[in-house]
Full PDB file with SEQRES, HELIX, SHEET, SSBOND, CRYST1, ORIGX, SCALE, CONECT and MASTER records, all heavy atoms in Angstrom:
SEQRES   1 A   41  ASN GLN LYS GLY THR ILE THR ILE VAL GLY ASN LYS ILE          
SEQRES   2 A   41  LYS LEU PRO LYS LEU LYS ARG LEU VAL PRO ILE HIS LEU          
SEQRES   3 A   41  HIS ARG GLN VAL LYS GLY VAL ILE LYS HIS ALA THR VAL          
SEQRES   4 A   41  SER ARG                                                      
SHEET    1 AA1 3 THR A   7  VAL A   9  0                                        
SHEET    2 AA1 3 LYS A  12  LYS A  14 -1                                        
SHEET    3 AA1 3 VAL A  22  PRO A  23 -1                                        
CRYST1    1.000    1.000    1.000  90.00  90.00  90.00 P 1           1          
ORIGX1      1.000000  0.000000  0.000000        0.00000                         
ORIGX2      0.000000  1.000000  0.000000        0.00000                         
ORIGX3      0.000000  0.000000  1.000000        0.00000                         
SCALE1      1.000000  0.000000  0.000000        0.00000                         
SCALE2      0.000000  1.000000  0.000000        0.00000                         
SCALE3      0.000000  0.000000  1.000000        0.00000                         
ATOM      1  N   ASN A   1      -4.032 -12.884  -3.212  1.00  0.00           N  
ATOM      2  CA  ASN A   1      -4.156 -11.846  -2.199  1.00  0.00           C  
ATOM      3  C   ASN A   1      -3.521 -12.362  -0.907  1.00  0.00           C  
ATOM      4  O   ASN A   1      -3.950 -13.355  -0.351  1.00  0.00           O  
ATOM      5  CB  ASN A   1      -5.629 -11.507  -1.970  1.00  0.00           C  
ATOM      6  CG  ASN A   1      -5.817 -10.315  -1.078  1.00  0.00           C  
ATOM      7  OD1 ASN A   1      -4.860  -9.732  -0.584  1.00  0.00           O  
ATOM      8  ND2 ASN A   1      -7.059  -9.940  -0.883  1.00  0.00           N  
ATOM      9  N   GLN A   2      -2.484 -11.674  -0.462  1.00  0.00           N  
ATOM     10  CA  GLN A   2      -1.847 -12.014   0.802  1.00  0.00           C  
ATOM     11  C   GLN A   2      -1.844 -10.774   1.689  1.00  0.00           C  
ATOM     12  O   GLN A   2      -1.131  -9.820   1.415  1.00  0.00           O  
ATOM     13  CB  GLN A   2      -0.415 -12.499   0.580  1.00  0.00           C  
ATOM     14  CG  GLN A   2      -0.338 -13.832  -0.092  1.00  0.00           C  
ATOM     15  CD  GLN A   2       1.081 -14.347  -0.131  1.00  0.00           C  
ATOM     16  OE1 GLN A   2       2.042 -13.590  -0.136  1.00  0.00           O  
ATOM     17  NE2 GLN A   2       1.222 -15.647  -0.160  1.00  0.00           N  
ATOM     18  N   LYS A   3      -2.669 -10.815   2.710  1.00  0.00           N  
ATOM     19  CA  LYS A   3      -2.748  -9.727   3.686  1.00  0.00           C  
ATOM     20  C   LYS A   3      -3.054  -8.385   3.028  1.00  0.00           C  
ATOM     21  O   LYS A   3      -2.399  -7.383   3.280  1.00  0.00           O  
ATOM     22  CB  LYS A   3      -1.462  -9.644   4.497  1.00  0.00           C  
ATOM     23  CG  LYS A   3      -1.170 -10.902   5.279  1.00  0.00           C  
ATOM     24  CD  LYS A   3       0.117 -10.795   6.039  1.00  0.00           C  
ATOM     25  CE  LYS A   3       0.415 -12.100   6.731  1.00  0.00           C  
ATOM     26  NZ  LYS A   3       1.709 -12.117   7.384  1.00  0.00           N  
ATOM     27  N   GLY A   4      -4.029  -8.372   2.151  1.00  0.00           N  
ATOM     28  CA  GLY A   4      -4.497  -7.118   1.574  1.00  0.00           C  
ATOM     29  C   GLY A   4      -3.682  -6.581   0.413  1.00  0.00           C  
ATOM     30  O   GLY A   4      -3.730  -5.388   0.142  1.00  0.00           O  
ATOM     31  N   THR A   5      -2.949  -7.433  -0.295  1.00  0.00           N  
ATOM     32  CA  THR A   5      -2.165  -6.945  -1.431  1.00  0.00           C  
ATOM     33  C   THR A   5      -3.038  -6.661  -2.644  1.00  0.00           C  
ATOM     34  O   THR A   5      -2.614  -5.962  -3.552  1.00  0.00           O  
ATOM     35  CB  THR A   5      -1.063  -7.951  -1.823  1.00  0.00           C  
ATOM     36  OG1 THR A   5      -1.666  -9.224  -2.072  1.00  0.00           O  
ATOM     37  CG2 THR A   5      -0.017  -8.065  -0.731  1.00  0.00           C  
ATOM     38  N   ILE A   6      -4.256  -7.203  -2.675  1.00  0.00           N  
ATOM     39  CA  ILE A   6      -5.213  -6.904  -3.740  1.00  0.00           C  
ATOM     40  C   ILE A   6      -6.439  -6.278  -3.098  1.00  0.00           C  
ATOM     41  O   ILE A   6      -7.178  -6.939  -2.368  1.00  0.00           O  
ATOM     42  CB  ILE A   6      -5.620  -8.173  -4.513  1.00  0.00           C  
ATOM     43  CG1 ILE A   6      -4.400  -8.862  -5.092  1.00  0.00           C  
ATOM     44  CG2 ILE A   6      -6.609  -7.823  -5.613  1.00  0.00           C  
ATOM     45  CD1 ILE A   6      -4.694 -10.216  -5.697  1.00  0.00           C  
ATOM     46  N   THR A   7      -6.641  -5.013  -3.361  1.00  0.00           N  
ATOM     47  CA  THR A   7      -7.802  -4.321  -2.817  1.00  0.00           C  
ATOM     48  C   THR A   7      -8.340  -3.342  -3.851  1.00  0.00           C  
ATOM     49  O   THR A   7      -7.605  -2.871  -4.718  1.00  0.00           O  
ATOM     50  CB  THR A   7      -7.466  -3.528  -1.533  1.00  0.00           C  
ATOM     51  OG1 THR A   7      -6.387  -2.637  -1.810  1.00  0.00           O  
ATOM     52  CG2 THR A   7      -7.086  -4.444  -0.393  1.00  0.00           C  
ATOM     53  N   ILE A   8      -9.611  -3.027  -3.718  1.00  0.00           N  
ATOM     54  CA  ILE A   8     -10.234  -2.017  -4.570  1.00  0.00           C  
ATOM     55  C   ILE A   8     -10.436  -0.771  -3.733  1.00  0.00           C  
ATOM     56  O   ILE A   8     -11.039  -0.814  -2.661  1.00  0.00           O  
ATOM     57  CB  ILE A   8     -11.559  -2.526  -5.155  1.00  0.00           C  
ATOM     58  CG1 ILE A   8     -11.263  -3.691  -6.109  1.00  0.00           C  
ATOM     59  CG2 ILE A   8     -12.302  -1.409  -5.861  1.00  0.00           C  
ATOM     60  CD1 ILE A   8     -12.452  -4.291  -6.767  1.00  0.00           C  
ATOM     61  N   VAL A   9      -9.883   0.341  -4.233  1.00  0.00           N  
ATOM     62  CA  VAL A   9      -9.978   1.632  -3.559  1.00  0.00           C  
ATOM     63  C   VAL A   9     -10.653   2.598  -4.520  1.00  0.00           C  
ATOM     64  O   VAL A   9     -10.039   3.017  -5.505  1.00  0.00           O  
ATOM     65  CB  VAL A   9      -8.579   2.154  -3.157  1.00  0.00           C  
ATOM     66  CG1 VAL A   9      -8.689   3.480  -2.441  1.00  0.00           C  
ATOM     67  CG2 VAL A   9      -7.840   1.136  -2.325  1.00  0.00           C  
ATOM     68  N   GLY A  10     -11.903   2.917  -4.249  1.00  0.00           N  
ATOM     69  CA  GLY A  10     -12.631   3.789  -5.171  1.00  0.00           C  
ATOM     70  C   GLY A  10     -12.817   3.092  -6.514  1.00  0.00           C  
ATOM     71  O   GLY A  10     -13.333   1.994  -6.586  1.00  0.00           O  
ATOM     72  N   ASN A  11     -12.376   3.742  -7.588  1.00  0.00           N  
ATOM     73  CA  ASN A  11     -12.443   3.150  -8.921  1.00  0.00           C  
ATOM     74  C   ASN A  11     -11.066   2.697  -9.387  1.00  0.00           C  
ATOM     75  O   ASN A  11     -10.753   2.747 -10.572  1.00  0.00           O  
ATOM     76  CB  ASN A  11     -13.029   4.147  -9.929  1.00  0.00           C  
ATOM     77  CG  ASN A  11     -14.527   4.283  -9.763  1.00  0.00           C  
ATOM     78  OD1 ASN A  11     -15.175   3.397  -9.219  1.00  0.00           O  
ATOM     79  ND2 ASN A  11     -15.068   5.382 -10.222  1.00  0.00           N  
ATOM     80  N   LYS A  12     -10.246   2.249  -8.449  1.00  0.00           N  
ATOM     81  CA  LYS A  12      -8.901   1.765  -8.763  1.00  0.00           C  
ATOM     82  C   LYS A  12      -8.648   0.482  -7.990  1.00  0.00           C  
ATOM     83  O   LYS A  12      -9.277   0.226  -6.965  1.00  0.00           O  
ATOM     84  CB  LYS A  12      -7.848   2.815  -8.406  1.00  0.00           C  
ATOM     85  CG  LYS A  12      -7.994   4.084  -9.222  1.00  0.00           C  
ATOM     86  CD  LYS A  12      -6.902   5.065  -8.895  1.00  0.00           C  
ATOM     87  CE  LYS A  12      -7.082   6.302  -9.776  1.00  0.00           C  
ATOM     88  NZ  LYS A  12      -6.000   7.236  -9.593  1.00  0.00           N  
ATOM     89  N   ILE A  13      -7.710  -0.306  -8.510  1.00  0.00           N  
ATOM     90  CA  ILE A  13      -7.359  -1.552  -7.846  1.00  0.00           C  
ATOM     91  C   ILE A  13      -5.874  -1.545  -7.513  1.00  0.00           C  
ATOM     92  O   ILE A  13      -5.048  -1.064  -8.286  1.00  0.00           O  
ATOM     93  CB  ILE A  13      -7.719  -2.783  -8.705  1.00  0.00           C  
ATOM     94  CG1 ILE A  13      -7.506  -4.066  -7.913  1.00  0.00           C  
ATOM     95  CG2 ILE A  13      -6.945  -2.802 -10.010  1.00  0.00           C  
ATOM     96  CD1 ILE A  13      -8.157  -5.276  -8.522  1.00  0.00           C  
ATOM     97  N   LYS A  14      -5.568  -2.054  -6.339  1.00  0.00           N  
ATOM     98  CA  LYS A  14      -4.180  -2.197  -5.899  1.00  0.00           C  
ATOM     99  C   LYS A  14      -3.755  -3.633  -6.165  1.00  0.00           C  
ATOM    100  O   LYS A  14      -4.425  -4.570  -5.749  1.00  0.00           O  
ATOM    101  CB  LYS A  14      -4.078  -1.894  -4.408  1.00  0.00           C  
ATOM    102  CG  LYS A  14      -2.698  -2.080  -3.838  1.00  0.00           C  
ATOM    103  CD  LYS A  14      -2.723  -1.894  -2.328  1.00  0.00           C  
ATOM    104  CE  LYS A  14      -1.381  -2.282  -1.763  1.00  0.00           C  
ATOM    105  NZ  LYS A  14      -1.464  -2.725  -0.395  1.00  0.00           N  
ATOM    106  N   LEU A  15      -2.642  -3.779  -6.907  1.00  0.00           N  
ATOM    107  CA  LEU A  15      -2.095  -5.096  -7.218  1.00  0.00           C  
ATOM    108  C   LEU A  15      -0.687  -5.208  -6.643  1.00  0.00           C  
ATOM    109  O   LEU A  15       0.002  -4.196  -6.503  1.00  0.00           O  
ATOM    110  CB  LEU A  15      -2.057  -5.320  -8.736  1.00  0.00           C  
ATOM    111  CG  LEU A  15      -3.418  -5.403  -9.425  1.00  0.00           C  
ATOM    112  CD1 LEU A  15      -3.264  -5.382 -10.928  1.00  0.00           C  
ATOM    113  CD2 LEU A  15      -4.152  -6.653  -8.979  1.00  0.00           C  
ATOM    114  N   PRO A  16      -0.230  -6.418  -6.314  1.00  0.00           N  
ATOM    115  CA  PRO A  16       1.108  -6.584  -5.737  1.00  0.00           C  
ATOM    116  C   PRO A  16       2.207  -6.060  -6.658  1.00  0.00           C  
ATOM    117  O   PRO A  16       2.136  -6.197  -7.873  1.00  0.00           O  
ATOM    118  CB  PRO A  16       1.239  -8.095  -5.556  1.00  0.00           C  
ATOM    119  CG  PRO A  16      -0.145  -8.609  -5.542  1.00  0.00           C  
ATOM    120  CD  PRO A  16      -0.946  -7.688  -6.383  1.00  0.00           C  
ATOM    121  N   LYS A  17       3.211  -5.454  -6.047  1.00  0.00           N  
ATOM    122  CA  LYS A  17       4.425  -4.946  -6.695  1.00  0.00           C  
ATOM    123  C   LYS A  17       4.203  -3.675  -7.511  1.00  0.00           C  
ATOM    124  O   LYS A  17       5.148  -3.151  -8.059  1.00  0.00           O  
ATOM    125  CB  LYS A  17       5.071  -5.997  -7.599  1.00  0.00           C  
ATOM    126  CG  LYS A  17       5.876  -7.022  -6.877  1.00  0.00           C  
ATOM    127  CD  LYS A  17       7.330  -6.722  -7.071  1.00  0.00           C  
ATOM    128  CE  LYS A  17       8.174  -7.796  -6.436  1.00  0.00           C  
ATOM    129  NZ  LYS A  17       9.521  -7.771  -6.841  1.00  0.00           N  
ATOM    130  N   LEU A  18       2.989  -3.195  -7.612  1.00  0.00           N  
ATOM    131  CA  LEU A  18       2.736  -1.944  -8.326  1.00  0.00           C  
ATOM    132  C   LEU A  18       2.645  -0.812  -7.319  1.00  0.00           C  
ATOM    133  O   LEU A  18       1.916  -0.904  -6.338  1.00  0.00           O  
ATOM    134  CB  LEU A  18       1.438  -2.016  -9.127  1.00  0.00           C  
ATOM    135  CG  LEU A  18       1.498  -2.732 -10.458  1.00  0.00           C  
ATOM    136  CD1 LEU A  18       0.118  -2.825 -11.074  1.00  0.00           C  
ATOM    137  CD2 LEU A  18       2.446  -2.043 -11.405  1.00  0.00           C  
ATOM    138  N   LYS A  19       3.377   0.257  -7.580  1.00  0.00           N  
ATOM    139  CA  LYS A  19       3.372   1.390  -6.656  1.00  0.00           C  
ATOM    140  C   LYS A  19       2.089   2.206  -6.778  1.00  0.00           C  
ATOM    141  O   LYS A  19       1.560   2.697  -5.799  1.00  0.00           O  
ATOM    142  CB  LYS A  19       4.595   2.267  -6.914  1.00  0.00           C  
ATOM    143  CG  LYS A  19       5.899   1.575  -6.577  1.00  0.00           C  
ATOM    144  CD  LYS A  19       7.081   2.442  -6.916  1.00  0.00           C  
ATOM    145  CE  LYS A  19       8.374   1.777  -6.548  1.00  0.00           C  
ATOM    146  NZ  LYS A  19       8.812   0.769  -7.480  1.00  0.00           N  
ATOM    147  N   ARG A  20       1.602   2.364  -8.016  1.00  0.00           N  
ATOM    148  CA  ARG A  20       0.393   3.161  -8.242  1.00  0.00           C  
ATOM    149  C   ARG A  20      -0.800   2.254  -8.477  1.00  0.00           C  
ATOM    150  O   ARG A  20      -0.669   1.147  -8.997  1.00  0.00           O  
ATOM    151  CB  ARG A  20       0.608   4.059  -9.459  1.00  0.00           C  
ATOM    152  CG  ARG A  20       1.709   5.092  -9.216  1.00  0.00           C  
ATOM    153  CD  ARG A  20       1.913   6.002 -10.398  1.00  0.00           C  
ATOM    154  NE  ARG A  20       0.680   6.690 -10.722  1.00  0.00           N  
ATOM    155  CZ  ARG A  20       0.456   7.246 -11.901  1.00  0.00           C  
ATOM    156  NH1 ARG A  20       1.348   7.189 -12.855  1.00  0.00           N  
ATOM    157  NH2 ARG A  20      -0.688   7.870 -12.138  1.00  0.00           N  
ATOM    158  N   LEU A  21      -1.966   2.741  -8.102  1.00  0.00           N  
ATOM    159  CA  LEU A  21      -3.198   1.996  -8.308  1.00  0.00           C  
ATOM    160  C   LEU A  21      -3.571   2.018  -9.788  1.00  0.00           C  
ATOM    161  O   LEU A  21      -3.293   2.984 -10.497  1.00  0.00           O  
ATOM    162  CB  LEU A  21      -4.323   2.605  -7.481  1.00  0.00           C  
ATOM    163  CG  LEU A  21      -4.094   2.654  -5.961  1.00  0.00           C  
ATOM    164  CD1 LEU A  21      -5.249   3.368  -5.293  1.00  0.00           C  
ATOM    165  CD2 LEU A  21      -3.946   1.271  -5.393  1.00  0.00           C  
ATOM    166  N   VAL A  22      -4.217   0.948 -10.249  1.00  0.00           N  
ATOM    167  CA  VAL A  22      -4.627   0.828 -11.647  1.00  0.00           C  
ATOM    168  C   VAL A  22      -6.101   1.205 -11.754  1.00  0.00           C  
ATOM    169  O   VAL A  22      -6.946   0.615 -11.073  1.00  0.00           O  
ATOM    170  CB  VAL A  22      -4.430  -0.621 -12.150  1.00  0.00           C  
ATOM    171  CG1 VAL A  22      -4.814  -0.735 -13.610  1.00  0.00           C  
ATOM    172  CG2 VAL A  22      -3.005  -1.082 -11.922  1.00  0.00           C  
ATOM    173  N   PRO A  23      -6.446   2.191 -12.621  1.00  0.00           N  
ATOM    174  CA  PRO A  23      -7.859   2.540 -12.803  1.00  0.00           C  
ATOM    175  C   PRO A  23      -8.640   1.378 -13.431  1.00  0.00           C  
ATOM    176  O   PRO A  23      -8.148   0.687 -14.314  1.00  0.00           O  
ATOM    177  CB  PRO A  23      -7.820   3.728 -13.761  1.00  0.00           C  
ATOM    178  CG  PRO A  23      -6.432   4.255 -13.686  1.00  0.00           C  
ATOM    179  CD  PRO A  23      -5.569   3.077 -13.362  1.00  0.00           C  
ATOM    180  N   ILE A  24      -9.856   1.171 -12.939  1.00  0.00           N  
ATOM    181  CA  ILE A  24     -10.720   0.119 -13.473  1.00  0.00           C  
ATOM    182  C   ILE A  24     -12.101   0.687 -13.724  1.00  0.00           C  
ATOM    183  O   ILE A  24     -12.472   1.743 -13.191  1.00  0.00           O  
ATOM    184  CB  ILE A  24     -10.821  -1.097 -12.517  1.00  0.00           C  
ATOM    185  CG1 ILE A  24     -11.441  -0.687 -11.179  1.00  0.00           C  
ATOM    186  CG2 ILE A  24      -9.506  -1.764 -12.325  1.00  0.00           C  
ATOM    187  CD1 ILE A  24     -11.735  -1.859 -10.267  1.00  0.00           C  
ATOM    188  N   HIS A  25     -12.871  -0.003 -14.543  1.00  0.00           N  
ATOM    189  CA  HIS A  25     -14.276   0.328 -14.740  1.00  0.00           C  
ATOM    190  C   HIS A  25     -15.065  -0.523 -13.753  1.00  0.00           C  
ATOM    191  O   HIS A  25     -15.325  -1.702 -13.994  1.00  0.00           O  
ATOM    192  CB  HIS A  25     -14.711   0.034 -16.179  1.00  0.00           C  
ATOM    193  CG  HIS A  25     -16.153   0.307 -16.414  1.00  0.00           C  
ATOM    194  ND1 HIS A  25     -16.643   1.573 -16.599  1.00  0.00           N  
ATOM    195  CD2 HIS A  25     -17.218  -0.525 -16.469  1.00  0.00           C  
ATOM    196  CE1 HIS A  25     -17.955   1.516 -16.774  1.00  0.00           C  
ATOM    197  NE2 HIS A  25     -18.326   0.245 -16.692  1.00  0.00           N  
ATOM    198  N   LEU A  26     -15.400   0.071 -12.621  1.00  0.00           N  
ATOM    199  CA  LEU A  26     -16.077  -0.652 -11.536  1.00  0.00           C  
ATOM    200  C   LEU A  26     -17.585  -0.549 -11.768  1.00  0.00           C  
ATOM    201  O   LEU A  26     -18.228   0.393 -11.340  1.00  0.00           O  
ATOM    202  CB  LEU A  26     -15.679  -0.049 -10.183  1.00  0.00           C  
ATOM    203  CG  LEU A  26     -16.073  -0.831  -8.957  1.00  0.00           C  
ATOM    204  CD1 LEU A  26     -15.352  -2.161  -8.907  1.00  0.00           C  
ATOM    205  CD2 LEU A  26     -15.771  -0.042  -7.706  1.00  0.00           C  
ATOM    206  N   HIS A  27     -18.153  -1.522 -12.473  1.00  0.00           N  
ATOM    207  CA  HIS A  27     -19.575  -1.483 -12.814  1.00  0.00           C  
ATOM    208  C   HIS A  27     -20.462  -2.143 -11.770  1.00  0.00           C  
ATOM    209  O   HIS A  27     -21.680  -2.056 -11.846  1.00  0.00           O  
ATOM    210  CB  HIS A  27     -19.816  -2.130 -14.183  1.00  0.00           C  
ATOM    211  CG  HIS A  27     -19.253  -3.503 -14.301  1.00  0.00           C  
ATOM    212  ND1 HIS A  27     -19.920  -4.602 -13.874  1.00  0.00           N  
ATOM    213  CD2 HIS A  27     -18.071  -3.942 -14.789  1.00  0.00           C  
ATOM    214  CE1 HIS A  27     -19.194  -5.677 -14.095  1.00  0.00           C  
ATOM    215  NE2 HIS A  27     -18.060  -5.296 -14.650  1.00  0.00           N  
ATOM    216  N   ARG A  28     -19.838  -2.805 -10.791  1.00  0.00           N  
ATOM    217  CA  ARG A  28     -20.586  -3.343  -9.644  1.00  0.00           C  
ATOM    218  C   ARG A  28     -19.638  -3.504  -8.476  1.00  0.00           C  
ATOM    219  O   ARG A  28     -18.430  -3.615  -8.648  1.00  0.00           O  
ATOM    220  CB  ARG A  28     -21.270  -4.659  -9.978  1.00  0.00           C  
ATOM    221  CG  ARG A  28     -20.321  -5.758 -10.356  1.00  0.00           C  
ATOM    222  CD  ARG A  28     -21.104  -6.992 -10.699  1.00  0.00           C  
ATOM    223  NE  ARG A  28     -20.220  -7.977 -11.284  1.00  0.00           N  
ATOM    224  CZ  ARG A  28     -20.533  -9.221 -11.470  1.00  0.00           C  
ATOM    225  NH1 ARG A  28     -21.724  -9.644 -11.106  1.00  0.00           N  
ATOM    226  NH2 ARG A  28     -19.694 -10.063 -12.007  1.00  0.00           N  
ATOM    227  N   GLN A  29     -20.183  -3.535  -7.296  1.00  0.00           N  
ATOM    228  CA  GLN A  29     -19.375  -3.640  -6.091  1.00  0.00           C  
ATOM    229  C   GLN A  29     -18.987  -5.092  -5.835  1.00  0.00           C  
ATOM    230  O   GLN A  29     -19.762  -6.011  -6.068  1.00  0.00           O  
ATOM    231  CB  GLN A  29     -20.142  -3.093  -4.882  1.00  0.00           C  
ATOM    232  CG  GLN A  29     -20.379  -1.602  -4.945  1.00  0.00           C  
ATOM    233  CD  GLN A  29     -19.076  -0.820  -4.984  1.00  0.00           C  
ATOM    234  OE1 GLN A  29     -18.133  -1.131  -4.272  1.00  0.00           O  
ATOM    235  NE2 GLN A  29     -19.012   0.183  -5.853  1.00  0.00           N  
ATOM    236  N   VAL A  30     -17.781  -5.275  -5.343  1.00  0.00           N  
ATOM    237  CA  VAL A  30     -17.281  -6.599  -5.005  1.00  0.00           C  
ATOM    238  C   VAL A  30     -17.714  -6.910  -3.582  1.00  0.00           C  
ATOM    239  O   VAL A  30     -17.443  -6.136  -2.668  1.00  0.00           O  
ATOM    240  CB  VAL A  30     -15.745  -6.650  -5.129  1.00  0.00           C  
ATOM    241  CG1 VAL A  30     -15.220  -8.000  -4.674  1.00  0.00           C  
ATOM    242  CG2 VAL A  30     -15.317  -6.350  -6.544  1.00  0.00           C  
ATOM    243  N   LYS A  31     -18.355  -8.045  -3.411  1.00  0.00           N  
ATOM    244  CA  LYS A  31     -18.784  -8.466  -2.085  1.00  0.00           C  
ATOM    245  C   LYS A  31     -17.835  -9.553  -1.610  1.00  0.00           C  
ATOM    246  O   LYS A  31     -17.532 -10.484  -2.339  1.00  0.00           O  
ATOM    247  CB  LYS A  31     -20.210  -8.999  -2.127  1.00  0.00           C  
ATOM    248  CG  LYS A  31     -21.217  -7.935  -2.502  1.00  0.00           C  
ATOM    249  CD  LYS A  31     -22.599  -8.508  -2.589  1.00  0.00           C  
ATOM    250  CE  LYS A  31     -23.578  -7.427  -3.021  1.00  0.00           C  
ATOM    251  NZ  LYS A  31     -24.907  -7.972  -3.269  1.00  0.00           N  
ATOM    252  N   GLY A  32     -17.366  -9.438  -0.411  1.00  0.00           N  
ATOM    253  CA  GLY A  32     -16.458 -10.434   0.128  1.00  0.00           C  
ATOM    254  C   GLY A  32     -15.004 -10.051  -0.090  1.00  0.00           C  
ATOM    255  O   GLY A  32     -14.674  -8.906  -0.385  1.00  0.00           O  
ATOM    256  N   VAL A  33     -14.136 -11.028   0.040  1.00  0.00           N  
ATOM    257  CA  VAL A  33     -12.692 -10.822  -0.054  1.00  0.00           C  
ATOM    258  C   VAL A  33     -12.200 -11.361  -1.386  1.00  0.00           C  
ATOM    259  O   VAL A  33     -12.567 -12.467  -1.796  1.00  0.00           O  
ATOM    260  CB  VAL A  33     -11.984 -11.580   1.098  1.00  0.00           C  
ATOM    261  CG1 VAL A  33     -10.474 -11.439   0.994  1.00  0.00           C  
ATOM    262  CG2 VAL A  33     -12.474 -11.078   2.443  1.00  0.00           C  
ATOM    263  N   ILE A  34     -11.372 -10.592  -2.079  1.00  0.00           N  
ATOM    264  CA  ILE A  34     -10.776 -11.062  -3.321  1.00  0.00           C  
ATOM    265  C   ILE A  34      -9.633 -12.006  -2.957  1.00  0.00           C  
ATOM    266  O   ILE A  34      -8.703 -11.634  -2.255  1.00  0.00           O  
ATOM    267  CB  ILE A  34     -10.258  -9.890  -4.174  1.00  0.00           C  
ATOM    268  CG1 ILE A  34     -11.414  -8.986  -4.583  1.00  0.00           C  
ATOM    269  CG2 ILE A  34      -9.531 -10.401  -5.410  1.00  0.00           C  
ATOM    270  CD1 ILE A  34     -10.984  -7.736  -5.311  1.00  0.00           C  
ATOM    271  N   LYS A  35      -9.709 -13.232  -3.446  1.00  0.00           N  
ATOM    272  CA  LYS A  35      -8.693 -14.243  -3.145  1.00  0.00           C  
ATOM    273  C   LYS A  35      -7.608 -14.289  -4.212  1.00  0.00           C  
ATOM    274  O   LYS A  35      -6.442 -14.476  -3.902  1.00  0.00           O  
ATOM    275  CB  LYS A  35      -9.338 -15.630  -3.026  1.00  0.00           C  
ATOM    276  CG  LYS A  35     -10.236 -15.753  -1.825  1.00  0.00           C  
ATOM    277  CD  LYS A  35      -9.414 -15.695  -0.582  1.00  0.00           C  
ATOM    278  CE  LYS A  35     -10.254 -15.920   0.647  1.00  0.00           C  
ATOM    279  NZ  LYS A  35      -9.455 -15.848   1.848  1.00  0.00           N  
ATOM    280  N   HIS A  36      -7.997 -14.188  -5.474  1.00  0.00           N  
ATOM    281  CA  HIS A  36      -7.067 -14.263  -6.594  1.00  0.00           C  
ATOM    282  C   HIS A  36      -7.404 -13.168  -7.585  1.00  0.00           C  
ATOM    283  O   HIS A  36      -8.544 -12.716  -7.648  1.00  0.00           O  
ATOM    284  CB  HIS A  36      -7.175 -15.595  -7.345  1.00  0.00           C  
ATOM    285  CG  HIS A  36      -7.121 -16.794  -6.489  1.00  0.00           C  
ATOM    286  ND1 HIS A  36      -5.956 -17.304  -6.004  1.00  0.00           N  
ATOM    287  CD2 HIS A  36      -8.108 -17.598  -6.011  1.00  0.00           C  
ATOM    288  CE1 HIS A  36      -6.221 -18.377  -5.275  1.00  0.00           C  
ATOM    289  NE2 HIS A  36      -7.513 -18.562  -5.257  1.00  0.00           N  
ATOM    290  N   ALA A  37      -6.430 -12.787  -8.370  1.00  0.00           N  
ATOM    291  CA  ALA A  37      -6.672 -11.838  -9.455  1.00  0.00           C  
ATOM    292  C   ALA A  37      -5.874 -12.294 -10.664  1.00  0.00           C  
ATOM    293  O   ALA A  37      -4.697 -12.625 -10.556  1.00  0.00           O  
ATOM    294  CB  ALA A  37      -6.247 -10.435  -9.048  1.00  0.00           C  
ATOM    295  N   THR A  38      -6.529 -12.311 -11.799  1.00  0.00           N  
ATOM    296  CA  THR A  38      -5.878 -12.637 -13.057  1.00  0.00           C  
ATOM    297  C   THR A  38      -5.945 -11.412 -13.942  1.00  0.00           C  
ATOM    298  O   THR A  38      -7.029 -10.899 -14.216  1.00  0.00           O  
ATOM    299  CB  THR A  38      -6.570 -13.827 -13.749  1.00  0.00           C  
ATOM    300  OG1 THR A  38      -6.513 -14.957 -12.887  1.00  0.00           O  
ATOM    301  CG2 THR A  38      -5.896 -14.161 -15.063  1.00  0.00           C  
ATOM    302  N   VAL A  39      -4.786 -10.936 -14.373  1.00  0.00           N  
ATOM    303  CA  VAL A  39      -4.727  -9.804 -15.292  1.00  0.00           C  
ATOM    304  C   VAL A  39      -4.465 -10.390 -16.667  1.00  0.00           C  
ATOM    305  O   VAL A  39      -3.548 -11.194 -16.846  1.00  0.00           O  
ATOM    306  CB  VAL A  39      -3.601  -8.821 -14.900  1.00  0.00           C  
ATOM    307  CG1 VAL A  39      -3.481  -7.707 -15.914  1.00  0.00           C  
ATOM    308  CG2 VAL A  39      -3.865  -8.256 -13.519  1.00  0.00           C  
ATOM    309  N   SER A  40      -5.279  -9.999 -17.641  1.00  0.00           N  
ATOM    310  CA  SER A  40      -5.100 -10.542 -18.983  1.00  0.00           C  
ATOM    311  C   SER A  40      -5.106  -9.422 -20.010  1.00  0.00           C  
ATOM    312  O   SER A  40      -5.748  -8.398 -19.825  1.00  0.00           O  
ATOM    313  CB  SER A  40      -6.190 -11.559 -19.316  1.00  0.00           C  
ATOM    314  OG  SER A  40      -7.424 -10.906 -19.476  1.00  0.00           O  
ATOM    315  N   ARG A  41      -4.360  -9.655 -21.076  1.00  0.00           N  
ATOM    316  CA  ARG A  41      -4.336  -8.744 -22.221  1.00  0.00           C  
ATOM    317  C   ARG A  41      -4.998  -9.470 -23.374  1.00  0.00           C  
ATOM    318  O   ARG A  41      -4.587 -10.557 -23.760  1.00  0.00           O  
ATOM    319  CB  ARG A  41      -2.920  -8.367 -22.604  1.00  0.00           C  
ATOM    320  CG  ARG A  41      -2.870  -7.452 -23.813  1.00  0.00           C  
ATOM    321  CD  ARG A  41      -1.442  -7.062 -24.157  1.00  0.00           C  
ATOM    322  NE  ARG A  41      -1.450  -6.117 -25.244  1.00  0.00           N  
ATOM    323  CZ  ARG A  41      -1.136  -6.447 -26.504  1.00  0.00           C  
ATOM    324  NH1 ARG A  41      -0.805  -7.682 -26.802  1.00  0.00           N  
ATOM    325  NH2 ARG A  41      -1.163  -5.540 -27.443  1.00  0.00           N  
TER     326      ARG A  41                                                      
MASTER        0    0    0    0    3    0    0    6  325    1    0    4          
END                                                                             
């Protein structure tokens, strides 16, 4: 996360280089600042 490139907006997450937000299953609220994100398949 560099200057807000990873944020959760509603039930979607914003990731770097993606124009559209990715829908997620937000089963709990994130407290604090997201420092890193790992996307896995």
